[in-house]
Amino acid sequence: MNWDRIEGNWKQLKGRVTEQWGKLTDDDFDVVDGRREQLAGKIQERYGVAKDEAERQVAAWERQAGDDWFDTPRKRPTDRV
């Protein structure tokens, strides 16, 4: 998944992030505001992990992100106009 898409839909994805990292607060979400580096920093802070571990977790979560995570319906090639 492209991080630009995650960043653009950050408010939609807060639930998914909370499922993964439940210790993050609403204030943390406001600070992160879709920025990857800020998310890794907040994971470091809340979970007491090293920077490389936080980055690894964010990368793994990003790989899991799929189109079904977004509410916006997408046209499929078989859809009629």
PDB file of N, CA and C in Angstrom:
ATOM      1  N   MET A   1       0.848  -1.178   0.000  1.00  0.00           N
ATOM      2  CA  MET A   1       0.000   0.000   0.000  1.00  0.00           C
ATOM      3  C   MET A   1       0.890   1.237   0.000  1.00  0.00           C
ATOM      4  N   ASN A   2       0.496   2.221  -0.722  1.00  0.00           N
ATOM      5  CA  ASN A   2       1.216   3.471  -0.830  1.00  0.00           C
ATOM      6  C   ASN A   2       0.952   4.313   0.420  1.00  0.00           C
ATOM      7  N   TRP A   3       2.003   4.783   1.080  1.00  0.00           N
ATOM      8  CA  TRP A   3       1.819   5.561   2.306  1.00  0.00           C
ATOM      9  C   TRP A   3       1.057   6.853   2.033  1.00  0.00           C
ATOM     10  N   ASP A   4       1.169   7.414   0.846  1.00  0.00           N
ATOM     11  CA  ASP A   4       0.409   8.630   0.526  1.00  0.00           C
ATOM     12  C   ASP A   4      -1.084   8.375   0.671  1.00  0.00           C
ATOM     13  N   ARG A   5      -1.518   7.200   0.287  1.00  0.00           N
ATOM     14  CA  ARG A   5      -2.937   6.854   0.420  1.00  0.00           C
ATOM     15  C   ARG A   5      -3.312   6.702   1.895  1.00  0.00           C
ATOM     16  N   ILE A   6      -2.431   6.101   2.669  1.00  0.00           N
ATOM     17  CA  ILE A   6      -2.673   5.970   4.112  1.00  0.00           C
ATOM     18  C   ILE A   6      -2.766   7.354   4.740  1.00  0.00           C
ATOM     19  N   GLU A   7      -1.820   8.205   4.404  1.00  0.00           N
ATOM     20  CA  GLU A   7      -1.810   9.560   4.964  1.00  0.00           C
ATOM     21  C   GLU A   7      -3.080  10.319   4.590  1.00  0.00           C
ATOM     22  N   GLY A   8      -3.516  10.194   3.360  1.00  0.00           N
ATOM     23  CA  GLY A   8      -4.700  10.892   2.903  1.00  0.00           C
ATOM     24  C   GLY A   8      -5.989  10.392   3.545  1.00  0.00           C
ATOM     25  N   ASN A   9      -5.968   9.173   4.047  1.00  0.00           N
ATOM     26  CA  ASN A   9      -7.155   8.564   4.664  1.00  0.00           C
ATOM     27  C   ASN A   9      -6.925   8.289   6.147  1.00  0.00           C
ATOM     28  N   TRP A  10      -6.065   9.057   6.772  1.00  0.00           N
ATOM     29  CA  TRP A  10      -5.650   8.800   8.143  1.00  0.00           C
ATOM     30  C   TRP A  10      -6.822   8.708   9.107  1.00  0.00           C
ATOM     31  N   LYS A  11      -7.756   9.616   9.011  1.00  0.00           N
ATOM     32  CA  LYS A  11      -8.897   9.610   9.936  1.00  0.00           C
ATOM     33  C   LYS A  11      -9.715   8.331   9.778  1.00  0.00           C
ATOM     34  N   GLN A  12      -9.853   7.844   8.570  1.00  0.00           N
ATOM     35  CA  GLN A  12     -10.553   6.591   8.309  1.00  0.00           C
ATOM     36  C   GLN A  12      -9.827   5.403   8.933  1.00  0.00           C
ATOM     37  N   LEU A  13      -8.521   5.467   8.963  1.00  0.00           N
ATOM     38  CA  LEU A  13      -7.714   4.324   9.373  1.00  0.00           C
ATOM     39  C   LEU A  13      -7.403   4.292  10.864  1.00  0.00           C
ATOM     40  N   LYS A  14      -7.877   5.259  11.614  1.00  0.00           N
ATOM     41  CA  LYS A  14      -7.572   5.300  13.045  1.00  0.00           C
ATOM     42  C   LYS A  14      -7.978   4.005  13.744  1.00  0.00           C
ATOM     43  N   GLY A  15      -9.084   3.430  13.357  1.00  0.00           N
ATOM     44  CA  GLY A  15      -9.530   2.178  13.963  1.00  0.00           C
ATOM     45  C   GLY A  15      -8.545   1.047  13.705  1.00  0.00           C
ATOM     46  N   ARG A  16      -8.031   0.984  12.493  1.00  0.00           N
ATOM     47  CA  ARG A  16      -7.043  -0.052  12.145  1.00  0.00           C
ATOM     48  C   ARG A  16      -5.745   0.135  12.933  1.00  0.00           C
ATOM     49  N   VAL A  17      -5.355   1.380  13.098  1.00  0.00           N
ATOM     50  CA  VAL A  17      -4.137   1.670  13.856  1.00  0.00           C
ATOM     51  C   VAL A  17      -4.351   1.300  15.326  1.00  0.00           C
ATOM     52  N   THR A  18      -5.525   1.613  15.844  1.00  0.00           N
ATOM     53  CA  THR A  18      -5.844   1.287  17.237  1.00  0.00           C
ATOM     54  C   THR A  18      -5.848  -0.221  17.461  1.00  0.00           C
ATOM     55  N   GLU A  19      -6.329  -0.987  16.485  1.00  0.00           N
ATOM     56  CA  GLU A  19      -6.292  -2.448  16.590  1.00  0.00           C
ATOM     57  C   GLU A  19      -4.863  -2.940  16.740  1.00  0.00           C
ATOM     58  N   GLN A  20      -3.955  -2.318  16.019  1.00  0.00           N
ATOM     59  CA  GLN A  20      -2.554  -2.740  16.031  1.00  0.00           C
ATOM     60  C   GLN A  20      -1.804  -2.202  17.249  1.00  0.00           C
ATOM     61  N   TRP A  21      -2.028  -0.936  17.579  1.00  0.00           N
ATOM     62  CA  TRP A  21      -1.286  -0.279  18.656  1.00  0.00           C
ATOM     63  C   TRP A  21      -2.275   0.407  19.592  1.00  0.00           C
ATOM     64  N   GLY A  22      -2.865  -0.354  20.468  1.00  0.00           N
ATOM     65  CA  GLY A  22      -3.917   0.126  21.359  1.00  0.00           C
ATOM     66  C   GLY A  22      -3.479   1.136  22.396  1.00  0.00           C
ATOM     67  N   LYS A  23      -2.186   1.253  22.633  1.00  0.00           N
ATOM     68  CA  LYS A  23      -1.707   2.218  23.628  1.00  0.00           C
ATOM     69  C   LYS A  23      -1.655   3.643  23.090  1.00  0.00           C
ATOM     70  N   LEU A  24      -1.835   3.817  21.788  1.00  0.00           N
ATOM     71  CA  LEU A  24      -1.801   5.165  21.228  1.00  0.00           C
ATOM     72  C   LEU A  24      -3.079   5.901  21.608  1.00  0.00           C
ATOM     73  N   THR A  25      -2.929   7.155  21.976  1.00  0.00           N
ATOM     74  CA  THR A  25      -4.050   7.973  22.433  1.00  0.00           C
ATOM     75  C   THR A  25      -4.591   8.836  21.288  1.00  0.00           C
ATOM     76  N   ASP A  26      -5.727   9.462  21.525  1.00  0.00           N
ATOM     77  CA  ASP A  26      -6.270  10.402  20.536  1.00  0.00           C
ATOM     78  C   ASP A  26      -5.295  11.542  20.280  1.00  0.00           C
ATOM     79  N   ASP A  27      -4.624  11.994  21.332  1.00  0.00           N
ATOM     80  CA  ASP A  27      -3.619  13.048  21.153  1.00  0.00           C
ATOM     81  C   ASP A  27      -2.473  12.556  20.263  1.00  0.00           C
ATOM     82  N   ASP A  28      -2.085  11.291  20.441  1.00  0.00           N
ATOM     83  CA  ASP A  28      -1.040  10.717  19.584  1.00  0.00           C
ATOM     84  C   ASP A  28      -1.481  10.739  18.122  1.00  0.00           C
ATOM     85  N   PHE A  29      -2.744  10.365  17.881  1.00  0.00           N
ATOM     86  CA  PHE A  29      -3.257  10.365  16.516  1.00  0.00           C
ATOM     87  C   PHE A  29      -3.221  11.761  15.917  1.00  0.00           C
ATOM     88  N   ASP A  30      -3.534  12.767  16.728  1.00  0.00           N
ATOM     89  CA  ASP A  30      -3.496  14.142  16.248  1.00  0.00           C
ATOM     90  C   ASP A  30      -2.073  14.558  15.885  1.00  0.00           C
ATOM     91  N   VAL A  31      -1.107  14.143  16.691  1.00  0.00           N
ATOM     92  CA  VAL A  31       0.294  14.469  16.427  1.00  0.00           C
ATOM     93  C   VAL A  31       0.776  13.750  15.171  1.00  0.00           C
ATOM     94  N   VAL A  32       0.453  12.477  15.057  1.00  0.00           N
ATOM     95  CA  VAL A  32       0.895  11.670  13.916  1.00  0.00           C
ATOM     96  C   VAL A  32       0.304  12.213  12.622  1.00  0.00           C
ATOM     97  N   ASP A  33      -0.997  12.437  12.609  1.00  0.00           N
ATOM     98  CA  ASP A  33      -1.708  13.010  11.464  1.00  0.00           C
ATOM     99  C   ASP A  33      -1.288  12.378  10.134  1.00  0.00           C
ATOM    100  N   GLY A  34      -1.116  11.050  10.146  1.00  0.00           N
ATOM    101  CA  GLY A  34      -0.810  10.329   8.916  1.00  0.00           C
ATOM    102  C   GLY A  34       0.648  10.267   8.536  1.00  0.00           C
ATOM    103  N   ARG A  35       1.510  10.883   9.305  1.00  0.00           N
ATOM    104  CA  ARG A  35       2.939  10.902   8.964  1.00  0.00           C
ATOM    105  C   ARG A  35       3.628   9.664   9.515  1.00  0.00           C
ATOM    106  N   ARG A  36       4.248   8.938   8.641  1.00  0.00           N
ATOM    107  CA  ARG A  36       4.877   7.653   8.969  1.00  0.00           C
ATOM    108  C   ARG A  36       5.926   7.784  10.077  1.00  0.00           C
ATOM    109  N   GLU A  37       6.790   8.764   9.959  1.00  0.00           N
ATOM    110  CA  GLU A  37       7.866   8.936  10.936  1.00  0.00           C
ATOM    111  C   GLU A  37       7.309   9.239  12.321  1.00  0.00           C
ATOM    112  N   GLN A  38       6.253  10.051  12.354  1.00  0.00           N
ATOM    113  CA  GLN A  38       5.632  10.390  13.640  1.00  0.00           C
ATOM    114  C   GLN A  38       4.984   9.157  14.263  1.00  0.00           C
ATOM    115  N   LEU A  39       4.377   8.303  13.423  1.00  0.00           N
ATOM    116  CA  LEU A  39       3.770   7.074  13.933  1.00  0.00           C
ATOM    117  C   LEU A  39       4.833   6.181  14.559  1.00  0.00           C
ATOM    118  N   ALA A  40       5.939   6.013  13.877  1.00  0.00           N
ATOM    119  CA  ALA A  40       7.027   5.197  14.421  1.00  0.00           C
ATOM    120  C   ALA A  40       7.538   5.786  15.736  1.00  0.00           C
ATOM    121  N   GLY A  41       7.627   7.102  15.803  1.00  0.00           N
ATOM    122  CA  GLY A  41       8.081   7.754  17.031  1.00  0.00           C
ATOM    123  C   GLY A  41       7.124   7.530  18.192  1.00  0.00           C
ATOM    124  N   LYS A  42       5.839   7.607  17.926  1.00  0.00           N
ATOM    125  CA  LYS A  42       4.853   7.379  18.987  1.00  0.00           C
ATOM    126  C   LYS A  42       4.841   5.924  19.430  1.00  0.00           C
ATOM    127  N   ILE A  43       5.072   5.005  18.506  1.00  0.00           N
ATOM    128  CA  ILE A  43       5.165   3.581  18.872  1.00  0.00           C
ATOM    129  C   ILE A  43       6.373   3.377  19.779  1.00  0.00           C
ATOM    130  N   GLN A  44       7.500   3.989  19.426  1.00  0.00           N
ATOM    131  CA  GLN A  44       8.694   3.927  20.277  1.00  0.00           C
ATOM    132  C   GLN A  44       8.376   4.408  21.685  1.00  0.00           C
ATOM    133  N   GLU A  45       7.736   5.555  21.749  1.00  0.00           N
ATOM    134  CA  GLU A  45       7.442   6.206  23.015  1.00  0.00           C
ATOM    135  C   GLU A  45       6.483   5.375  23.872  1.00  0.00           C
ATOM    136  N   ARG A  46       5.388   4.926  23.296  1.00  0.00           N
ATOM    137  CA  ARG A  46       4.350   4.220  24.063  1.00  0.00           C
ATOM    138  C   ARG A  46       4.726   2.783  24.415  1.00  0.00           C
ATOM    139  N   TYR A  47       5.487   2.137  23.538  1.00  0.00           N
ATOM    140  CA  TYR A  47       5.793   0.723  23.743  1.00  0.00           C
ATOM    141  C   TYR A  47       7.227   0.478  24.213  1.00  0.00           C
ATOM    142  N   GLY A  48       8.035   1.526  24.262  1.00  0.00           N
ATOM    143  CA  GLY A  48       9.405   1.385  24.746  1.00  0.00           C
ATOM    144  C   GLY A  48      10.267   0.489  23.877  1.00  0.00           C
ATOM    145  N   VAL A  49      10.083   0.588  22.562  1.00  0.00           N
ATOM    146  CA  VAL A  49      10.876  -0.220  21.638  1.00  0.00           C
ATOM    147  C   VAL A  49      11.886   0.680  20.936  1.00  0.00           C
ATOM    148  N   ALA A  50      12.892   0.045  20.364  1.00  0.00           N
ATOM    149  CA  ALA A  50      13.922   0.779  19.627  1.00  0.00           C
ATOM    150  C   ALA A  50      13.351   1.303  18.313  1.00  0.00           C
ATOM    151  N   LYS A  51      14.035   2.295  17.748  1.00  0.00           N
ATOM    152  CA  LYS A  51      13.575   2.918  16.511  1.00  0.00           C
ATOM    153  C   LYS A  51      13.428   1.897  15.392  1.00  0.00           C
ATOM    154  N   ASP A  52      14.404   1.006  15.242  1.00  0.00           N
ATOM    155  CA  ASP A  52      14.336   0.030  14.154  1.00  0.00           C
ATOM    156  C   ASP A  52      13.167  -0.940  14.338  1.00  0.00           C
ATOM    157  N   GLU A  53      12.836  -1.269  15.568  1.00  0.00           N
ATOM    158  CA  GLU A  53      11.688  -2.137  15.833  1.00  0.00           C
ATOM    159  C   GLU A  53      10.381  -1.412  15.505  1.00  0.00           C
ATOM    160  N   ALA A  54      10.282  -0.161  15.877  1.00  0.00           N
ATOM    161  CA  ALA A  54       9.088   0.619  15.559  1.00  0.00           C
ATOM    162  C   ALA A  54       8.918   0.738  14.044  1.00  0.00           C
ATOM    163  N   GLU A  55      10.004   0.994  13.342  1.00  0.00           N
ATOM    164  CA  GLU A  55       9.964   1.080  11.872  1.00  0.00           C
ATOM    165  C   GLU A  55       9.549  -0.261  11.265  1.00  0.00           C
ATOM    166  N   ARG A  56      10.034  -1.351  11.823  1.00  0.00           N
ATOM    167  CA  ARG A  56       9.682  -2.681  11.330  1.00  0.00           C
ATOM    168  C   ARG A  56       8.187  -2.927  11.502  1.00  0.00           C
ATOM    169  N   GLN A  57       7.652  -2.547  12.653  1.00  0.00           N
ATOM    170  CA  GLN A  57       6.225  -2.724  12.904  1.00  0.00           C
ATOM    171  C   GLN A  57       5.370  -1.904  11.939  1.00  0.00           C
ATOM    172  N   VAL A  58       5.774  -0.660  11.697  1.00  0.00           N
ATOM    173  CA  VAL A  58       5.030   0.198  10.777  1.00  0.00           C
ATOM    174  C   VAL A  58       5.082  -0.382   9.366  1.00  0.00           C
ATOM    175  N   ALA A  59       6.252  -0.858   8.945  1.00  0.00           N
ATOM    176  CA  ALA A  59       6.391  -1.446   7.609  1.00  0.00           C
ATOM    177  C   ALA A  59       5.516  -2.684   7.466  1.00  0.00           C
ATOM    178  N   ALA A  60       5.475  -3.527   8.492  1.00  0.00           N
ATOM    179  CA  ALA A  60       4.642  -4.731   8.453  1.00  0.00           C
ATOM    180  C   ALA A  60       3.163  -4.350   8.375  1.00  0.00           C
ATOM    181  N   TRP A  61       2.757  -3.355   9.149  1.00  0.00           N
ATOM    182  CA  TRP A  61       1.367  -2.894   9.132  1.00  0.00           C
ATOM    183  C   TRP A  61       1.014  -2.322   7.763  1.00  0.00           C
ATOM    184  N   GLU A  62       1.936  -1.564   7.199  1.00  0.00           N
ATOM    185  CA  GLU A  62       1.724  -0.960   5.880  1.00  0.00           C
ATOM    186  C   GLU A  62       1.531  -2.034   4.810  1.00  0.00           C
ATOM    187  N   ARG A  63       2.295  -3.112   4.893  1.00  0.00           N
ATOM    188  CA  ARG A  63       2.165  -4.214   3.928  1.00  0.00           C
ATOM    189  C   ARG A  63       0.799  -4.887   4.031  1.00  0.00           C
ATOM    190  N   GLN A  64       0.208  -4.880   5.220  1.00  0.00           N
ATOM    191  CA  GLN A  64      -1.110  -5.502   5.426  1.00  0.00           C
ATOM    192  C   GLN A  64      -2.240  -4.645   4.883  1.00  0.00           C
ATOM    193  N   ALA A  65      -2.004  -3.343   4.759  1.00  0.00           N
ATOM    194  CA  ALA A  65      -3.059  -2.418   4.348  1.00  0.00           C
ATOM    195  C   ALA A  65      -3.565  -2.799   2.964  1.00  0.00           C
ATOM    196  N   GLY A  66      -4.858  -2.941   2.858  1.00  0.00           N
ATOM    197  CA  GLY A  66      -5.459  -3.299   1.579  1.00  0.00           C
ATOM    198  C   GLY A  66      -6.562  -2.344   1.199  1.00  0.00           C
ATOM    199  N   ASP A  67      -7.010  -2.450  -0.026  1.00  0.00           N
ATOM    200  CA  ASP A  67      -8.076  -1.579  -0.512  1.00  0.00           C
ATOM    201  C   ASP A  67      -9.344  -1.704   0.322  1.00  0.00           C
ATOM    202  N   ASP A  68      -9.568  -2.876   0.910  1.00  0.00           N
ATOM    203  CA  ASP A  68     -10.777  -3.075   1.711  1.00  0.00           C
ATOM    204  C   ASP A  68     -10.751  -2.261   3.005  1.00  0.00           C
ATOM    205  N   TRP A  69      -9.633  -1.646   3.330  1.00  0.00           N
ATOM    206  CA  TRP A  69      -9.524  -0.814   4.530  1.00  0.00           C
ATOM    207  C   TRP A  69     -10.161   0.551   4.320  1.00  0.00           C
ATOM    208  N   PHE A  70     -10.422   0.898   3.098  1.00  0.00           N
ATOM    209  CA  PHE A  70     -10.921   2.228   2.773  1.00  0.00           C
ATOM    210  C   PHE A  70     -12.389   2.153   2.419  1.00  0.00           C
ATOM    211  N   ASP A  71     -13.158   3.139   2.901  1.00  0.00           N
ATOM    212  CA  ASP A  71     -14.592   3.167   2.664  1.00  0.00           C
ATOM    213  C   ASP A  71     -14.949   3.548   1.238  1.00  0.00           C
ATOM    214  N   THR A  72     -14.051   4.213   0.564  1.00  0.00           N
ATOM    215  CA  THR A  72     -14.339   4.692  -0.770  1.00  0.00           C
ATOM    216  C   THR A  72     -14.436   3.528  -1.746  1.00  0.00           C
ATOM    217  N   PRO A  73     -15.608   3.330  -2.358  1.00  0.00           N
ATOM    218  CA  PRO A  73     -15.721   2.240  -3.326  1.00  0.00           C
ATOM    219  C   PRO A  73     -14.902   2.545  -4.568  1.00  0.00           C
ATOM    220  N   ARG A  74     -14.258   1.524  -5.077  1.00  0.00           N
ATOM    221  CA  ARG A  74     -13.446   1.692  -6.280  1.00  0.00           C
ATOM    222  C   ARG A  74     -14.104   0.949  -7.418  1.00  0.00           C
ATOM    223  N   LYS A  75     -13.980   1.500  -8.594  1.00  0.00           N
ATOM    224  CA  LYS A  75     -14.541   0.828  -9.757  1.00  0.00           C
ATOM    225  C   LYS A  75     -13.672  -0.369 -10.122  1.00  0.00           C
ATOM    226  N   ARG A  76     -14.329  -1.423 -10.479  1.00  0.00           N
ATOM    227  CA  ARG A  76     -13.630  -2.604 -10.975  1.00  0.00           C
ATOM    228  C   ARG A  76     -13.781  -2.620 -12.486  1.00  0.00           C
ATOM    229  N   PRO A  77     -12.887  -3.282 -13.188  1.00  0.00           N
ATOM    230  CA  PRO A  77     -12.987  -3.315 -14.650  1.00  0.00           C
ATOM    231  C   PRO A  77     -14.319  -3.890 -15.127  1.00  0.00           C
ATOM    232  N   THR A  78     -14.964  -4.717 -14.324  1.00  0.00           N
ATOM    233  CA  THR A  78     -16.232  -5.332 -14.726  1.00  0.00           C
ATOM    234  C   THR A  78     -17.439  -4.469 -14.406  1.00  0.00           C
ATOM    235  N   ASP A  79     -17.251  -3.361 -13.665  1.00  0.00           N
ATOM    236  CA  ASP A  79     -18.361  -2.466 -13.326  1.00  0.00           C
ATOM    237  C   ASP A  79     -18.824  -1.718 -14.580  1.00  0.00           C
ATOM    238  N   ARG A  80     -20.121  -1.557 -14.683  1.00  0.00           N
ATOM    239  CA  ARG A  80     -20.676  -0.780 -15.792  1.00  0.00           C
ATOM    240  C   ARG A  80     -20.928   0.645 -15.333  1.00  0.00           C
ATOM    241  N   VAL A  81     -20.780   1.542 -16.267  1.00  0.00           N
ATOM    242  CA  VAL A  81     -20.954   2.956 -15.961  1.00  0.00           C
ATOM    243  C   VAL A  81     -22.402   3.352 -16.093  1.00  0.00           C
TER     244      VAL A  81
END
